[in-house]
Amino acid sequence: MVIGQHDLPKLLESISKFADIASVRILRIQPESTGRPGGQEQEKFAHQRISITARAGYHQLGRFVGLLESAPVFVDFKNLEIKGDQAEPGRQHLTILLEVFKRRE
C-alpha cells in the first residue's frame, strides 16, 4: 500500500507503536528528503525517507523489522547500521533508513 500525502504522521505513529511492541527504544525518528531531483509532475508517486535512531537487542530488532515488513504500507529498508553499545552490553545502537512511497495529490 502507498500512503497519501497527508498520512505521514499516521505512519510515524505506527512505526513508534511497532517499536513499543518489539521493546525497541526510539531515540529519534524524522522524515528526510530523498535527495532526488524534483522529478516530473506527471509522476503519481513520490519517495519519502524516514530516518530512525534507536537502541535495542538483536531479538528486539528482529521483531521490529518483522513488524515493519508485515505492515500494510510498503516499507523499503535503504540502510541498517548496527553498533554495539558500550554502556549497555547486549544492546545495540541502530540507525535505520526507510523509504516509503506516497501519492502526489
N, C-alpha and C. Protein backbone atom coordinates (compact mmCIF):
# COMPACT_ATOMS: atom_id res chain seq x y z
N MET A 1 0.84 -1.18 0.00
CA MET A 1 0.00 0.00 0.00
C MET A 1 0.88 1.24 0.00
N VAL A 2 0.40 2.27 -0.61
CA VAL A 2 1.10 3.55 -0.70
C VAL A 2 0.36 4.54 0.20
N ILE A 3 1.09 5.38 0.91
CA ILE A 3 0.45 6.35 1.79
C ILE A 3 0.00 7.57 1.01
N GLY A 4 -1.02 8.25 1.53
CA GLY A 4 -1.46 9.50 0.95
C GLY A 4 -0.52 10.62 1.38
N GLN A 5 -0.67 11.75 0.76
CA GLN A 5 0.23 12.87 1.03
C GLN A 5 0.15 13.33 2.49
N HIS A 6 -1.00 13.16 3.12
CA HIS A 6 -1.18 13.64 4.50
C HIS A 6 -1.15 12.51 5.52
N ASP A 7 -0.73 11.31 5.12
CA ASP A 7 -0.71 10.15 6.01
C ASP A 7 0.63 9.93 6.72
N LEU A 8 1.61 10.76 6.48
CA LEU A 8 2.92 10.56 7.08
C LEU A 8 2.89 10.55 8.61
N PRO A 9 2.17 11.46 9.27
CA PRO A 9 2.12 11.40 10.74
C PRO A 9 1.56 10.08 11.26
N LYS A 10 0.55 9.52 10.58
CA LYS A 10 -0.01 8.23 10.99
C LYS A 10 1.02 7.12 10.84
N LEU A 11 1.79 7.18 9.75
CA LEU A 11 2.83 6.18 9.53
C LEU A 11 3.91 6.26 10.62
N LEU A 12 4.34 7.46 10.98
CA LEU A 12 5.34 7.63 12.04
C LEU A 12 4.81 7.11 13.37
N GLU A 13 3.52 7.31 13.62
CA GLU A 13 2.91 6.79 14.84
C GLU A 13 2.89 5.26 14.83
N SER A 14 2.60 4.67 13.67
CA SER A 14 2.61 3.21 13.55
C SER A 14 4.00 2.65 13.79
N ILE A 15 5.02 3.30 13.25
CA ILE A 15 6.40 2.85 13.48
C ILE A 15 6.73 2.91 14.96
N SER A 16 6.30 3.96 15.62
CA SER A 16 6.53 4.10 17.06
C SER A 16 5.82 2.99 17.84
N LYS A 17 4.61 2.64 17.45
CA LYS A 17 3.88 1.56 18.11
C LYS A 17 4.57 0.22 17.90
N PHE A 18 5.06 -0.03 16.67
CA PHE A 18 5.81 -1.25 16.40
C PHE A 18 7.04 -1.33 17.30
N ALA A 19 7.71 -0.21 17.50
CA ALA A 19 8.89 -0.18 18.36
C ALA A 19 8.50 -0.53 19.80
N ASP A 20 7.39 0.00 20.27
CA ASP A 20 6.91 -0.32 21.63
C ASP A 20 6.62 -1.80 21.77
N ILE A 21 5.95 -2.38 20.79
CA ILE A 21 5.61 -3.81 20.82
C ILE A 21 6.87 -4.65 20.87
N ALA A 22 7.89 -4.25 20.10
CA ALA A 22 9.13 -5.03 20.00
C ALA A 22 10.15 -4.67 21.08
N SER A 23 9.83 -3.76 21.97
CA SER A 23 10.74 -3.30 23.03
C SER A 23 12.00 -2.63 22.46
N VAL A 24 11.80 -1.87 21.40
CA VAL A 24 12.87 -1.07 20.80
C VAL A 24 12.68 0.35 21.28
N ARG A 25 13.75 0.97 21.76
CA ARG A 25 13.66 2.34 22.26
C ARG A 25 14.08 3.29 21.15
N ILE A 26 13.12 4.05 20.63
CA ILE A 26 13.42 5.02 19.57
C ILE A 26 13.97 6.29 20.22
N LEU A 27 15.14 6.70 19.76
CA LEU A 27 15.76 7.92 20.24
C LEU A 27 15.38 9.11 19.35
N ARG A 28 15.23 8.82 18.03
CA ARG A 28 14.87 9.88 17.08
C ARG A 28 14.21 9.23 15.88
N ILE A 29 13.15 9.86 15.40
CA ILE A 29 12.50 9.43 14.16
C ILE A 29 12.13 10.70 13.42
N GLN A 30 12.54 10.77 12.14
CA GLN A 30 12.28 12.00 11.42
C GLN A 30 12.23 11.76 9.92
N PRO A 31 11.27 12.37 9.24
CA PRO A 31 11.22 12.29 7.78
C PRO A 31 12.40 13.07 7.19
N GLU A 32 12.90 12.59 6.07
CA GLU A 32 14.00 13.27 5.39
C GLU A 32 13.67 13.43 3.92
N SER A 33 14.34 14.37 3.29
CA SER A 33 14.18 14.50 1.85
C SER A 33 14.93 13.35 1.19
N THR A 34 14.51 12.96 0.00
CA THR A 34 15.10 11.82 -0.67
C THR A 34 16.43 12.16 -1.33
N GLY A 35 16.69 13.44 -1.55
CA GLY A 35 17.92 13.81 -2.23
C GLY A 35 17.83 13.59 -3.73
N ARG A 36 16.65 13.22 -4.20
CA ARG A 36 16.44 13.01 -5.63
C ARG A 36 15.97 14.32 -6.25
N PRO A 37 16.26 14.51 -7.52
CA PRO A 37 15.77 15.72 -8.18
C PRO A 37 14.24 15.79 -8.14
N GLY A 38 13.71 16.95 -8.32
CA GLY A 38 12.28 17.20 -8.20
C GLY A 38 11.38 16.24 -8.95
N GLY A 39 11.83 15.65 -10.00
CA GLY A 39 11.02 14.69 -10.73
C GLY A 39 9.98 15.39 -11.59
N GLN A 40 9.27 14.62 -12.32
CA GLN A 40 8.26 15.18 -13.19
C GLN A 40 6.94 15.24 -12.45
N GLU A 41 6.19 16.27 -12.69
CA GLU A 41 4.90 16.44 -12.03
C GLU A 41 3.90 15.37 -12.47
N GLN A 42 4.16 14.71 -13.61
CA GLN A 42 3.24 13.70 -14.10
C GLN A 42 3.34 12.41 -13.29
N GLU A 43 4.41 12.23 -12.55
CA GLU A 43 4.56 11.03 -11.73
C GLU A 43 3.50 11.04 -10.64
N LYS A 44 2.92 9.86 -10.39
CA LYS A 44 1.85 9.77 -9.40
C LYS A 44 2.37 9.56 -7.99
N PHE A 45 3.65 9.12 -7.86
CA PHE A 45 4.20 8.80 -6.54
C PHE A 45 5.49 9.54 -6.28
N ALA A 46 5.75 9.80 -5.01
CA ALA A 46 7.00 10.42 -4.58
C ALA A 46 7.64 9.51 -3.53
N HIS A 47 8.94 9.57 -3.41
CA HIS A 47 9.67 8.80 -2.40
C HIS A 47 9.75 9.63 -1.13
N GLN A 48 9.54 8.98 0.00
CA GLN A 48 9.69 9.64 1.30
C GLN A 48 10.60 8.79 2.16
N ARG A 49 11.70 9.37 2.63
CA ARG A 49 12.61 8.64 3.51
C ARG A 49 12.32 8.98 4.96
N ILE A 50 12.54 7.99 5.81
CA ILE A 50 12.35 8.16 7.25
C ILE A 50 13.60 7.64 7.95
N SER A 51 14.22 8.48 8.75
CA SER A 51 15.43 8.12 9.48
C SER A 51 15.04 7.79 10.93
N ILE A 52 15.55 6.65 11.41
CA ILE A 52 15.27 6.22 12.78
C ILE A 52 16.58 5.94 13.48
N THR A 53 16.73 6.49 14.67
CA THR A 53 17.85 6.15 15.55
C THR A 53 17.23 5.50 16.78
N ALA A 54 17.76 4.32 17.15
CA ALA A 54 17.13 3.57 18.23
C ALA A 54 18.16 2.74 18.98
N ARG A 55 17.70 2.11 20.05
CA ARG A 55 18.52 1.20 20.85
C ARG A 55 17.72 -0.07 21.08
N ALA A 56 18.34 -1.23 20.85
CA ALA A 56 17.63 -2.50 21.02
C ALA A 56 18.61 -3.65 21.07
N GLY A 57 18.14 -4.80 21.55
CA GLY A 57 18.89 -6.04 21.46
C GLY A 57 18.62 -6.68 20.10
N TYR A 58 19.34 -7.74 19.78
CA TYR A 58 19.18 -8.38 18.47
C TYR A 58 17.78 -8.96 18.28
N HIS A 59 17.25 -9.61 19.31
CA HIS A 59 15.92 -10.21 19.18
C HIS A 59 14.84 -9.14 19.03
N GLN A 60 14.99 -8.05 19.77
CA GLN A 60 14.04 -6.95 19.65
C GLN A 60 14.11 -6.32 18.26
N LEU A 61 15.32 -6.17 17.74
CA LEU A 61 15.50 -5.64 16.39
C LEU A 61 14.82 -6.54 15.36
N GLY A 62 15.00 -7.84 15.49
CA GLY A 62 14.38 -8.78 14.57
C GLY A 62 12.86 -8.69 14.59
N ARG A 63 12.31 -8.56 15.77
CA ARG A 63 10.85 -8.44 15.87
C ARG A 63 10.38 -7.12 15.26
N PHE A 64 11.11 -6.04 15.50
CA PHE A 64 10.77 -4.73 14.95
C PHE A 64 10.79 -4.76 13.42
N VAL A 65 11.83 -5.34 12.85
CA VAL A 65 11.94 -5.46 11.39
C VAL A 65 10.78 -6.30 10.85
N GLY A 66 10.46 -7.38 11.54
CA GLY A 66 9.34 -8.23 11.13
C GLY A 66 8.02 -7.48 11.13
N LEU A 67 7.80 -6.66 12.15
CA LEU A 67 6.57 -5.87 12.22
C LEU A 67 6.51 -4.85 11.09
N LEU A 68 7.64 -4.21 10.79
CA LEU A 68 7.68 -3.24 9.70
C LEU A 68 7.41 -3.91 8.36
N GLU A 69 7.99 -5.10 8.17
CA GLU A 69 7.81 -5.80 6.90
C GLU A 69 6.38 -6.30 6.71
N SER A 70 5.67 -6.57 7.80
CA SER A 70 4.30 -7.06 7.69
C SER A 70 3.27 -5.94 7.74
N ALA A 71 3.72 -4.70 7.82
CA ALA A 71 2.81 -3.55 7.86
C ALA A 71 2.06 -3.43 6.54
N PRO A 72 0.87 -2.84 6.57
CA PRO A 72 0.11 -2.68 5.33
C PRO A 72 0.75 -1.70 4.35
N VAL A 73 1.65 -0.86 4.82
CA VAL A 73 2.35 0.10 3.96
C VAL A 73 3.67 -0.53 3.51
N PHE A 74 3.99 -0.43 2.22
CA PHE A 74 5.24 -0.96 1.71
C PHE A 74 6.40 -0.13 2.25
N VAL A 75 7.33 -0.79 2.94
CA VAL A 75 8.49 -0.13 3.53
C VAL A 75 9.74 -0.77 2.94
N ASP A 76 10.62 0.06 2.40
CA ASP A 76 11.87 -0.41 1.80
C ASP A 76 13.02 0.00 2.72
N PHE A 77 13.81 -0.98 3.17
CA PHE A 77 14.97 -0.69 4.02
C PHE A 77 16.12 -0.25 3.12
N LYS A 78 16.52 1.00 3.23
CA LYS A 78 17.62 1.52 2.43
C LYS A 78 18.96 1.33 3.12
N ASN A 79 18.96 1.39 4.45
CA ASN A 79 20.20 1.24 5.20
C ASN A 79 19.87 0.79 6.63
N LEU A 80 20.69 -0.09 7.15
CA LEU A 80 20.56 -0.54 8.54
C LEU A 80 21.96 -0.66 9.10
N GLU A 81 22.26 0.15 10.09
CA GLU A 81 23.59 0.15 10.70
C GLU A 81 23.44 -0.24 12.16
N ILE A 82 24.25 -1.20 12.60
CA ILE A 82 24.19 -1.70 13.97
C ILE A 82 25.56 -1.52 14.61
N LYS A 83 25.60 -0.85 15.75
CA LYS A 83 26.84 -0.66 16.51
C LYS A 83 26.61 -1.13 17.94
N GLY A 84 27.59 -1.78 18.51
CA GLY A 84 27.50 -2.19 19.90
C GLY A 84 27.44 -1.00 20.83
N ASP A 85 26.69 -1.12 21.90
CA ASP A 85 26.56 -0.05 22.88
C ASP A 85 27.42 -0.40 24.09
N GLN A 86 28.52 0.32 24.29
CA GLN A 86 29.45 0.04 25.38
C GLN A 86 28.81 0.24 26.76
N ALA A 87 27.87 1.18 26.84
CA ALA A 87 27.22 1.47 28.12
C ALA A 87 26.27 0.35 28.54
N GLU A 88 25.66 -0.32 27.57
CA GLU A 88 24.71 -1.40 27.86
C GLU A 88 25.07 -2.62 27.03
N PRO A 89 25.89 -3.52 27.56
CA PRO A 89 26.21 -4.74 26.80
C PRO A 89 24.94 -5.52 26.48
N GLY A 90 24.88 -6.08 25.29
CA GLY A 90 23.69 -6.79 24.86
C GLY A 90 22.68 -5.91 24.14
N ARG A 91 22.92 -4.61 24.14
CA ARG A 91 22.05 -3.67 23.42
C ARG A 91 22.89 -3.04 22.32
N GLN A 92 22.24 -2.72 21.22
CA GLN A 92 22.92 -2.12 20.09
C GLN A 92 22.31 -0.77 19.77
N HIS A 93 23.15 0.09 19.20
CA HIS A 93 22.72 1.39 18.72
C HIS A 93 22.40 1.21 17.24
N LEU A 94 21.18 1.56 16.84
CA LEU A 94 20.71 1.31 15.48
C LEU A 94 20.47 2.61 14.73
N THR A 95 20.82 2.61 13.47
CA THR A 95 20.47 3.68 12.56
C THR A 95 19.79 3.02 11.37
N ILE A 96 18.53 3.36 11.15
CA ILE A 96 17.74 2.73 10.09
C ILE A 96 17.25 3.82 9.15
N LEU A 97 17.37 3.57 7.86
CA LEU A 97 16.84 4.48 6.85
C LEU A 97 15.81 3.71 6.04
N LEU A 98 14.55 4.14 6.15
CA LEU A 98 13.44 3.52 5.44
C LEU A 98 13.00 4.43 4.30
N GLU A 99 12.37 3.82 3.30
CA GLU A 99 11.77 4.61 2.23
C GLU A 99 10.37 4.08 1.97
N VAL A 100 9.42 4.98 1.89
CA VAL A 100 8.04 4.63 1.56
C VAL A 100 7.63 5.46 0.34
N PHE A 101 6.56 5.03 -0.28
CA PHE A 101 6.04 5.77 -1.42
C PHE A 101 4.77 6.48 -0.99
N LYS A 102 4.63 7.73 -1.41
CA LYS A 102 3.41 8.45 -1.12
C LYS A 102 2.84 9.02 -2.42
N ARG A 103 1.52 9.09 -2.44
CA ARG A 103 0.82 9.61 -3.62
C ARG A 103 0.99 11.11 -3.70
N ARG A 104 1.16 11.59 -4.91
CA ARG A 104 1.12 13.05 -5.14
C ARG A 104 -0.33 13.42 -5.37
N GLU A 105 -0.73 14.52 -4.79
CA GLU A 105 -2.13 14.93 -4.96
C GLU A 105 -2.20 16.28 -5.57
